[in-house]
């Protein structure tokens, strides 16, 4: 019996596990209600995150653009 971490479950959720690890986690989820409960919490959180409409404020965008402008001018300034 493996002790899978939340990180293992995240990798499994995003199909980033090896075939062997995928099979082991799938079997563990079928047999371990505690692990299945943790996995359901992670998938629920994923679903909630996907419904959020996030966008940066205009001030954040302006700060990034100013920083990029400054970096480019420093790189292209004559020495």
N, C-alpha and C. Protein backbone atom coordinates (compact mmCIF):
# COMPACT_ATOMS: atom_id res chain seq x y z
N UNK A 1 0.83 -1.18 0.00
CA UNK A 1 0.00 0.00 0.00
C UNK A 1 0.88 1.25 0.00
N UNK A 2 0.60 2.15 -0.92
CA UNK A 2 1.37 3.39 -1.04
C UNK A 2 0.73 4.48 -0.20
N UNK A 3 1.54 5.41 0.22
CA UNK A 3 1.04 6.63 0.86
C UNK A 3 1.18 7.75 -0.15
N UNK A 4 0.08 8.08 -0.81
CA UNK A 4 0.12 9.12 -1.82
C UNK A 4 -0.09 10.48 -1.19
N UNK A 5 0.70 11.44 -1.64
CA UNK A 5 0.63 12.81 -1.14
C UNK A 5 -0.38 13.61 -1.97
N UNK A 6 -0.79 14.76 -1.46
CA UNK A 6 -1.65 15.63 -2.27
C UNK A 6 -0.99 15.99 -3.61
N UNK A 7 0.34 16.11 -3.60
CA UNK A 7 1.06 16.41 -4.84
C UNK A 7 0.91 15.27 -5.84
N UNK A 8 0.96 14.03 -5.35
CA UNK A 8 0.75 12.88 -6.23
C UNK A 8 -0.65 12.92 -6.84
N UNK A 9 -1.62 13.28 -6.01
CA UNK A 9 -3.00 13.34 -6.51
C UNK A 9 -3.17 14.45 -7.53
N UNK A 10 -2.49 15.57 -7.33
CA UNK A 10 -2.53 16.65 -8.33
C UNK A 10 -1.93 16.21 -9.65
N UNK A 11 -0.79 15.54 -9.57
CA UNK A 11 -0.17 15.03 -10.80
C UNK A 11 -1.10 14.06 -11.51
N UNK A 12 -1.76 13.21 -10.74
CA UNK A 12 -2.72 12.26 -11.31
C UNK A 12 -3.89 13.01 -11.96
N UNK A 13 -4.40 14.01 -11.28
CA UNK A 13 -5.52 14.79 -11.79
C UNK A 13 -5.19 15.42 -13.14
N UNK A 14 -3.97 15.90 -13.28
CA UNK A 14 -3.56 16.57 -14.52
C UNK A 14 -2.84 15.62 -15.49
N UNK A 15 -3.00 14.32 -15.27
CA UNK A 15 -2.42 13.30 -16.16
C UNK A 15 -0.92 13.46 -16.34
N UNK A 16 -0.22 13.74 -15.25
CA UNK A 16 1.23 13.92 -15.31
C UNK A 16 1.97 12.83 -14.55
N UNK A 17 1.32 11.71 -14.31
CA UNK A 17 1.96 10.59 -13.63
C UNK A 17 2.36 9.54 -14.66
N UNK A 18 3.32 8.73 -14.29
CA UNK A 18 3.74 7.63 -15.17
C UNK A 18 2.61 6.61 -15.24
N UNK A 19 2.61 5.75 -16.25
CA UNK A 19 1.57 4.72 -16.34
C UNK A 19 1.50 3.84 -15.09
N UNK A 20 2.66 3.52 -14.53
CA UNK A 20 2.68 2.69 -13.33
C UNK A 20 2.06 3.43 -12.14
N UNK A 21 2.43 4.69 -11.98
CA UNK A 21 1.90 5.47 -10.87
C UNK A 21 0.41 5.73 -11.06
N UNK A 22 -0.01 5.96 -12.29
CA UNK A 22 -1.43 6.15 -12.58
C UNK A 22 -2.23 4.93 -12.15
N UNK A 23 -1.75 3.76 -12.52
CA UNK A 23 -2.44 2.51 -12.16
C UNK A 23 -2.49 2.33 -10.65
N UNK A 24 -1.39 2.65 -9.97
CA UNK A 24 -1.33 2.49 -8.52
C UNK A 24 -2.30 3.46 -7.82
N UNK A 25 -2.34 4.69 -8.28
CA UNK A 25 -3.24 5.67 -7.67
C UNK A 25 -4.69 5.29 -7.95
N UNK A 26 -4.97 4.87 -9.16
CA UNK A 26 -6.34 4.47 -9.52
C UNK A 26 -6.81 3.32 -8.62
N UNK A 27 -5.96 2.34 -8.42
CA UNK A 27 -6.30 1.21 -7.54
C UNK A 27 -6.50 1.69 -6.10
N UNK A 28 -5.62 2.57 -5.65
CA UNK A 28 -5.73 3.08 -4.29
C UNK A 28 -7.02 3.88 -4.11
N UNK A 29 -7.40 4.66 -5.11
CA UNK A 29 -8.64 5.43 -5.03
C UNK A 29 -9.86 4.52 -4.96
N UNK A 30 -9.79 3.39 -5.62
CA UNK A 30 -10.91 2.45 -5.60
C UNK A 30 -11.04 1.76 -4.24
N UNK A 31 -9.94 1.62 -3.51
CA UNK A 31 -9.94 0.84 -2.27
C UNK A 31 -9.82 1.65 -0.99
N UNK A 32 -9.39 2.90 -1.07
CA UNK A 32 -9.13 3.70 0.12
C UNK A 32 -10.07 4.90 0.14
N UNK A 33 -11.09 4.83 1.00
CA UNK A 33 -12.09 5.92 1.03
C UNK A 33 -11.47 7.24 1.48
N UNK A 34 -10.49 7.19 2.37
CA UNK A 34 -9.85 8.41 2.85
C UNK A 34 -9.10 9.11 1.71
N UNK A 35 -8.38 8.34 0.93
CA UNK A 35 -7.66 8.90 -0.21
C UNK A 35 -8.64 9.44 -1.24
N UNK A 36 -9.72 8.69 -1.47
CA UNK A 36 -10.74 9.12 -2.43
C UNK A 36 -11.36 10.45 -1.97
N UNK A 37 -11.57 10.59 -0.66
CA UNK A 37 -12.12 11.83 -0.12
C UNK A 37 -11.17 13.00 -0.37
N UNK A 38 -9.88 12.78 -0.16
CA UNK A 38 -8.88 13.83 -0.42
C UNK A 38 -8.87 14.20 -1.90
N UNK A 39 -8.96 13.18 -2.76
CA UNK A 39 -8.97 13.43 -4.21
C UNK A 39 -10.21 14.23 -4.61
N UNK A 40 -11.34 13.91 -4.01
CA UNK A 40 -12.57 14.64 -4.33
C UNK A 40 -12.47 16.10 -3.88
N UNK A 41 -11.80 16.36 -2.77
CA UNK A 41 -11.57 17.74 -2.33
C UNK A 41 -10.71 18.48 -3.35
N UNK A 42 -9.69 17.83 -3.86
CA UNK A 42 -8.80 18.45 -4.84
C UNK A 42 -9.55 18.72 -6.14
N UNK A 43 -10.35 17.76 -6.60
CA UNK A 43 -11.10 17.98 -7.84
C UNK A 43 -12.15 19.05 -7.66
N UNK A 44 -12.74 19.13 -6.47
CA UNK A 44 -13.71 20.19 -6.20
C UNK A 44 -13.04 21.56 -6.25
N UNK A 45 -11.86 21.66 -5.66
CA UNK A 45 -11.11 22.91 -5.68
C UNK A 45 -10.75 23.29 -7.11
N UNK A 46 -10.36 22.31 -7.90
CA UNK A 46 -10.03 22.56 -9.31
C UNK A 46 -11.24 23.12 -10.05
N UNK A 47 -12.39 22.52 -9.83
CA UNK A 47 -13.61 22.99 -10.49
C UNK A 47 -13.96 24.42 -10.08
N UNK A 48 -13.76 24.74 -8.82
CA UNK A 48 -14.04 26.10 -8.35
C UNK A 48 -13.07 27.10 -8.97
N UNK A 49 -11.82 26.71 -9.08
CA UNK A 49 -10.82 27.61 -9.68
C UNK A 49 -11.13 27.88 -11.15
N UNK A 50 -11.63 26.86 -11.84
CA UNK A 50 -11.91 27.03 -13.26
C UNK A 50 -13.08 27.98 -13.51
N UNK A 51 -13.95 28.17 -12.52
CA UNK A 51 -15.10 29.05 -12.71
C UNK A 51 -14.79 30.50 -12.38
N UNK A 52 -13.65 30.77 -11.75
CA UNK A 52 -13.29 32.13 -11.39
C UNK A 52 -12.90 32.94 -12.62
N UNK A 53 -13.33 34.17 -12.64
CA UNK A 53 -12.95 35.09 -13.70
C UNK A 53 -11.94 36.07 -13.10
N UNK A 54 -10.67 35.78 -13.29
CA UNK A 54 -9.63 36.60 -12.71
C UNK A 54 -8.96 37.45 -13.78
N UNK A 55 -8.70 38.69 -13.44
CA UNK A 55 -7.93 39.54 -14.33
C UNK A 55 -7.19 40.57 -13.47
N UNK A 56 -5.99 40.93 -13.88
CA UNK A 56 -5.21 41.88 -13.08
C UNK A 56 -5.81 43.29 -13.20
N UNK A 57 -5.53 44.10 -12.21
CA UNK A 57 -6.00 45.49 -12.26
C UNK A 57 -5.19 46.25 -13.32
N UNK A 58 -5.73 47.38 -13.74
CA UNK A 58 -5.04 48.20 -14.74
C UNK A 58 -3.71 48.70 -14.18
N UNK A 59 -3.67 48.99 -12.88
CA UNK A 59 -2.42 49.44 -12.26
C UNK A 59 -1.35 48.36 -12.34
N UNK A 60 -1.73 47.11 -12.12
CA UNK A 60 -0.77 46.00 -12.22
C UNK A 60 -0.23 45.89 -13.64
N UNK A 61 -1.12 45.97 -14.61
CA UNK A 61 -0.70 45.91 -16.02
C UNK A 61 0.26 47.05 -16.34
N UNK A 62 -0.09 48.25 -15.89
CA UNK A 62 0.77 49.42 -16.14
C UNK A 62 2.15 49.24 -15.50
N UNK A 63 2.19 48.71 -14.27
CA UNK A 63 3.46 48.48 -13.60
C UNK A 63 4.33 47.48 -14.36
N UNK A 64 3.73 46.44 -14.87
CA UNK A 64 4.47 45.44 -15.64
C UNK A 64 5.02 46.06 -16.91
N UNK A 65 4.20 46.84 -17.59
CA UNK A 65 4.64 47.47 -18.83
C UNK A 65 5.77 48.47 -18.57
N UNK A 66 5.66 49.23 -17.49
CA UNK A 66 6.72 50.18 -17.14
C UNK A 66 8.02 49.45 -16.82
N UNK A 67 7.93 48.36 -16.10
CA UNK A 67 9.11 47.58 -15.76
C UNK A 67 9.76 47.03 -17.03
N UNK A 68 8.94 46.51 -17.93
CA UNK A 68 9.47 45.95 -19.18
C UNK A 68 10.11 47.04 -20.02
N UNK A 69 9.48 48.20 -20.07
CA UNK A 69 10.04 49.33 -20.82
C UNK A 69 11.40 49.74 -20.27
N UNK A 70 11.49 49.80 -18.95
CA UNK A 70 12.74 50.18 -18.29
C UNK A 70 13.82 49.13 -18.58
N UNK A 71 13.47 47.87 -18.51
CA UNK A 71 14.44 46.80 -18.75
C UNK A 71 14.95 46.86 -20.19
N UNK A 72 14.06 47.10 -21.13
CA UNK A 72 14.47 47.17 -22.53
C UNK A 72 15.37 48.37 -22.75
N UNK A 73 15.02 49.49 -22.16
CA UNK A 73 15.86 50.70 -22.36
C UNK A 73 17.24 50.51 -21.74
N UNK A 74 17.32 49.79 -20.61
CA UNK A 74 18.64 49.52 -20.00
C UNK A 74 19.46 48.58 -20.86
N UNK A 75 18.82 47.65 -21.51
CA UNK A 75 19.54 46.68 -22.37
C UNK A 75 20.03 47.33 -23.66
N UNK A 76 19.27 48.31 -24.15
CA UNK A 76 19.61 48.91 -25.43
C UNK A 76 20.39 50.21 -25.30
N UNK A 77 20.61 50.67 -24.08
CA UNK A 77 21.33 51.92 -23.86
C UNK A 77 22.80 51.74 -24.24
N UNK A 78 23.38 52.75 -24.91
CA UNK A 78 24.79 52.65 -25.26
C UNK A 78 25.67 52.67 -24.01
N UNK A 79 26.74 51.94 -24.11
CA UNK A 79 27.66 51.83 -22.97
C UNK A 79 28.74 52.86 -23.01
